[in-house]
Amino acid sequence: MSAGQSLRRGYAYGVNPAVHSGPALARHKASTDMVSLIVMATLIFVIVAVASDPVLAASAGRILGTAWSDAIGFIAQLVSR
């Protein structure tokens, strides 16, 4: 058996391949995928809501501008030391 086959089967790490497969792993992956989908949908909804309202867009622009300038100032202060 070559080294590549050993790595693929998990023998190089001393792990039984059955540990990394099966229904429990599939359920965990499915729940992680669902959480990721919900987070992405929420982010898109918030971005669209902020972009469609001029007052919220101006507020978000001011907040991001302030945060950006503060971050640049902080980095400049660290570099100047």
N, C-alpha and C. Protein backbone atom coordinates (compact mmCIF):
# COMPACT_ATOMS: atom_id res chain seq x y z
N MET A 1 0.86 -1.17 0.00
CA MET A 1 0.00 0.00 0.00
C MET A 1 0.90 1.23 0.00
N SER A 2 0.57 2.19 -0.84
CA SER A 2 1.41 3.39 -0.94
C SER A 2 1.06 4.38 0.16
N ALA A 3 1.92 5.37 0.29
CA ALA A 3 1.69 6.38 1.32
C ALA A 3 0.42 7.16 1.05
N GLY A 4 0.11 7.41 -0.22
CA GLY A 4 -1.11 8.14 -0.56
C GLY A 4 -2.36 7.42 -0.11
N GLN A 5 -2.37 6.11 -0.30
CA GLN A 5 -3.54 5.35 0.13
C GLN A 5 -3.64 5.35 1.65
N SER A 6 -2.52 5.30 2.32
CA SER A 6 -2.56 5.34 3.78
C SER A 6 -3.13 6.65 4.27
N LEU A 7 -2.75 7.76 3.65
CA LEU A 7 -3.27 9.05 4.06
C LEU A 7 -4.77 9.15 3.81
N ARG A 8 -5.22 8.65 2.65
CA ARG A 8 -6.64 8.74 2.33
C ARG A 8 -7.48 7.92 3.29
N ARG A 9 -6.97 6.80 3.71
CA ARG A 9 -7.76 5.94 4.59
C ARG A 9 -7.62 6.32 6.06
N GLY A 10 -6.72 7.23 6.38
CA GLY A 10 -6.58 7.66 7.76
C GLY A 10 -5.59 6.84 8.55
N TYR A 11 -4.91 5.88 7.93
CA TYR A 11 -3.99 5.03 8.67
C TYR A 11 -2.74 5.80 9.10
N ALA A 12 -2.37 6.82 8.34
CA ALA A 12 -1.15 7.55 8.67
C ALA A 12 -1.30 8.28 10.00
N TYR A 13 -2.52 8.58 10.38
CA TYR A 13 -2.75 9.29 11.64
C TYR A 13 -3.23 8.36 12.74
N GLY A 14 -3.34 7.11 12.46
CA GLY A 14 -3.79 6.15 13.46
C GLY A 14 -5.26 6.30 13.79
N VAL A 15 -6.06 6.72 12.82
CA VAL A 15 -7.48 6.96 13.05
C VAL A 15 -8.28 5.99 12.20
N ASN A 16 -9.26 5.41 12.79
CA ASN A 16 -10.15 4.52 12.07
C ASN A 16 -11.01 5.36 11.12
N PRO A 17 -11.10 5.01 9.83
CA PRO A 17 -11.90 5.81 8.90
C PRO A 17 -13.37 5.88 9.28
N ALA A 18 -13.87 4.92 10.02
CA ALA A 18 -15.28 4.95 10.42
C ALA A 18 -15.58 6.08 11.39
N VAL A 19 -14.54 6.60 12.06
CA VAL A 19 -14.74 7.69 13.00
C VAL A 19 -15.19 8.95 12.27
N HIS A 20 -14.71 9.15 11.04
CA HIS A 20 -14.99 10.36 10.30
C HIS A 20 -16.15 10.24 9.33
N SER A 21 -16.93 9.22 9.43
CA SER A 21 -18.04 9.07 8.51
C SER A 21 -19.25 8.55 9.26
N GLY A 22 -20.34 8.47 8.56
CA GLY A 22 -21.53 7.91 9.15
C GLY A 22 -22.62 8.94 9.33
N PRO A 23 -23.75 8.52 9.89
CA PRO A 23 -24.90 9.40 10.01
C PRO A 23 -24.68 10.58 10.95
N ALA A 24 -23.89 10.40 12.01
CA ALA A 24 -23.67 11.49 12.96
C ALA A 24 -22.95 12.64 12.29
N LEU A 25 -21.96 12.34 11.47
CA LEU A 25 -21.22 13.37 10.76
C LEU A 25 -22.13 14.06 9.74
N ALA A 26 -22.98 13.32 9.08
CA ALA A 26 -23.89 13.90 8.09
C ALA A 26 -24.88 14.84 8.76
N ARG A 27 -25.39 14.48 9.94
CA ARG A 27 -26.31 15.35 10.66
C ARG A 27 -25.63 16.63 11.09
N HIS A 28 -24.39 16.52 11.58
CA HIS A 28 -23.65 17.69 12.02
C HIS A 28 -23.40 18.63 10.84
N LYS A 29 -23.02 18.08 9.71
CA LYS A 29 -22.75 18.90 8.52
C LYS A 29 -24.03 19.58 8.05
N ALA A 30 -25.14 18.86 8.08
CA ALA A 30 -26.41 19.44 7.64
C ALA A 30 -26.83 20.59 8.55
N SER A 31 -26.66 20.44 9.86
CA SER A 31 -27.04 21.52 10.77
C SER A 31 -26.11 22.72 10.60
N THR A 32 -24.83 22.47 10.35
CA THR A 32 -23.89 23.56 10.11
C THR A 32 -24.25 24.29 8.82
N ASP A 33 -24.63 23.55 7.80
CA ASP A 33 -25.03 24.16 6.54
C ASP A 33 -26.28 25.02 6.73
N MET A 34 -27.22 24.56 7.54
CA MET A 34 -28.45 25.31 7.77
C MET A 34 -28.15 26.60 8.54
N VAL A 35 -27.28 26.54 9.52
CA VAL A 35 -26.91 27.73 10.27
C VAL A 35 -26.20 28.73 9.35
N SER A 36 -25.32 28.24 8.51
CA SER A 36 -24.63 29.12 7.56
C SER A 36 -25.62 29.78 6.61
N LEU A 37 -26.59 29.03 6.15
CA LEU A 37 -27.61 29.57 5.24
C LEU A 37 -28.42 30.66 5.93
N ILE A 38 -28.80 30.44 7.17
CA ILE A 38 -29.58 31.43 7.91
C ILE A 38 -28.76 32.70 8.14
N VAL A 39 -27.49 32.55 8.49
CA VAL A 39 -26.63 33.72 8.71
C VAL A 39 -26.46 34.52 7.43
N MET A 40 -26.22 33.83 6.33
CA MET A 40 -26.05 34.52 5.04
C MET A 40 -27.33 35.23 4.64
N ALA A 41 -28.48 34.60 4.80
CA ALA A 41 -29.75 35.22 4.45
C ALA A 41 -30.00 36.46 5.31
N THR A 42 -29.67 36.38 6.59
CA THR A 42 -29.84 37.53 7.48
C THR A 42 -28.94 38.68 7.06
N LEU A 43 -27.68 38.38 6.74
CA LEU A 43 -26.76 39.43 6.29
C LEU A 43 -27.25 40.10 5.02
N ILE A 44 -27.72 39.31 4.06
CA ILE A 44 -28.22 39.88 2.81
C ILE A 44 -29.45 40.74 3.08
N PHE A 45 -30.33 40.28 3.95
CA PHE A 45 -31.53 41.05 4.29
C PHE A 45 -31.16 42.39 4.92
N VAL A 46 -30.21 42.38 5.84
CA VAL A 46 -29.79 43.62 6.50
C VAL A 46 -29.14 44.58 5.51
N ILE A 47 -28.28 44.05 4.64
CA ILE A 47 -27.62 44.90 3.64
C ILE A 47 -28.65 45.54 2.71
N VAL A 48 -29.61 44.76 2.26
CA VAL A 48 -30.65 45.30 1.37
C VAL A 48 -31.50 46.33 2.11
N ALA A 49 -31.84 46.07 3.36
CA ALA A 49 -32.66 47.01 4.13
C ALA A 49 -31.91 48.33 4.34
N VAL A 50 -30.63 48.25 4.67
CA VAL A 50 -29.84 49.47 4.88
C VAL A 50 -29.67 50.23 3.57
N ALA A 51 -29.41 49.51 2.49
CA ALA A 51 -29.19 50.17 1.20
C ALA A 51 -30.46 50.81 0.65
N SER A 52 -31.62 50.31 1.01
CA SER A 52 -32.86 50.84 0.45
C SER A 52 -33.39 52.05 1.22
N ASP A 53 -32.91 52.29 2.42
CA ASP A 53 -33.37 53.42 3.22
C ASP A 53 -32.28 54.49 3.26
N PRO A 54 -32.54 55.69 2.75
CA PRO A 54 -31.49 56.72 2.70
C PRO A 54 -30.97 57.13 4.08
N VAL A 55 -31.83 57.16 5.08
CA VAL A 55 -31.40 57.56 6.42
C VAL A 55 -30.47 56.50 7.01
N LEU A 56 -30.87 55.23 6.87
CA LEU A 56 -30.01 54.15 7.37
C LEU A 56 -28.71 54.08 6.60
N ALA A 57 -28.75 54.32 5.30
CA ALA A 57 -27.54 54.29 4.49
C ALA A 57 -26.58 55.39 4.91
N ALA A 58 -27.10 56.59 5.18
CA ALA A 58 -26.23 57.68 5.63
C ALA A 58 -25.63 57.39 7.00
N SER A 59 -26.45 56.83 7.89
CA SER A 59 -25.94 56.48 9.22
C SER A 59 -24.87 55.40 9.14
N ALA A 60 -25.12 54.39 8.32
CA ALA A 60 -24.14 53.31 8.17
C ALA A 60 -22.85 53.84 7.55
N GLY A 61 -22.97 54.76 6.59
CA GLY A 61 -21.79 55.36 5.99
C GLY A 61 -20.98 56.14 6.99
N ARG A 62 -21.66 56.88 7.85
CA ARG A 62 -20.96 57.65 8.88
C ARG A 62 -20.28 56.72 9.88
N ILE A 63 -20.99 55.65 10.29
CA ILE A 63 -20.41 54.70 11.24
C ILE A 63 -19.18 54.02 10.65
N LEU A 64 -19.31 53.55 9.41
CA LEU A 64 -18.17 52.87 8.77
C LEU A 64 -17.02 53.83 8.53
N GLY A 65 -17.32 55.07 8.17
CA GLY A 65 -16.26 56.05 7.97
C GLY A 65 -15.50 56.34 9.25
N THR A 66 -16.25 56.47 10.36
CA THR A 66 -15.61 56.71 11.65
C THR A 66 -14.77 55.50 12.07
N ALA A 67 -15.32 54.32 11.89
CA ALA A 67 -14.57 53.11 12.25
C ALA A 67 -13.31 52.98 11.42
N TRP A 68 -13.41 53.29 10.12
CA TRP A 68 -12.26 53.19 9.24
C TRP A 68 -11.17 54.18 9.65
N SER A 69 -11.56 55.42 9.91
CA SER A 69 -10.56 56.42 10.29
C SER A 69 -9.94 56.10 11.65
N ASP A 70 -10.74 55.58 12.58
CA ASP A 70 -10.18 55.18 13.88
C ASP A 70 -9.20 54.02 13.72
N ALA A 71 -9.52 53.06 12.85
CA ALA A 71 -8.62 51.92 12.63
C ALA A 71 -7.31 52.38 12.00
N ILE A 72 -7.38 53.29 11.03
CA ILE A 72 -6.17 53.82 10.40
C ILE A 72 -5.35 54.60 11.42
N GLY A 73 -5.99 55.39 12.25
CA GLY A 73 -5.29 56.13 13.31
C GLY A 73 -4.61 55.21 14.30
N PHE A 74 -5.27 54.12 14.66
CA PHE A 74 -4.70 53.14 15.59
C PHE A 74 -3.48 52.46 14.99
N ILE A 75 -3.57 52.08 13.73
CA ILE A 75 -2.44 51.44 13.06
C ILE A 75 -1.28 52.42 12.92
N ALA A 76 -1.58 53.68 12.59
CA ALA A 76 -0.52 54.68 12.48
C ALA A 76 0.16 54.90 13.82
N GLN A 77 -0.61 54.87 14.88
CA GLN A 77 -0.03 55.04 16.22
C GLN A 77 0.85 53.86 16.58
N LEU A 78 0.45 52.64 16.20
CA LEU A 78 1.28 51.46 16.48
C LEU A 78 2.57 51.48 15.68
N VAL A 79 2.49 51.92 14.43
CA VAL A 79 3.66 51.94 13.57
C VAL A 79 4.66 53.01 14.01
N SER A 80 4.16 54.13 14.53
CA SER A 80 5.04 55.24 14.91
C SER A 80 5.82 54.97 16.18
N ARG A 81 5.46 53.96 16.96
CA ARG A 81 6.17 53.66 18.21
C ARG A 81 7.51 53.10 17.96
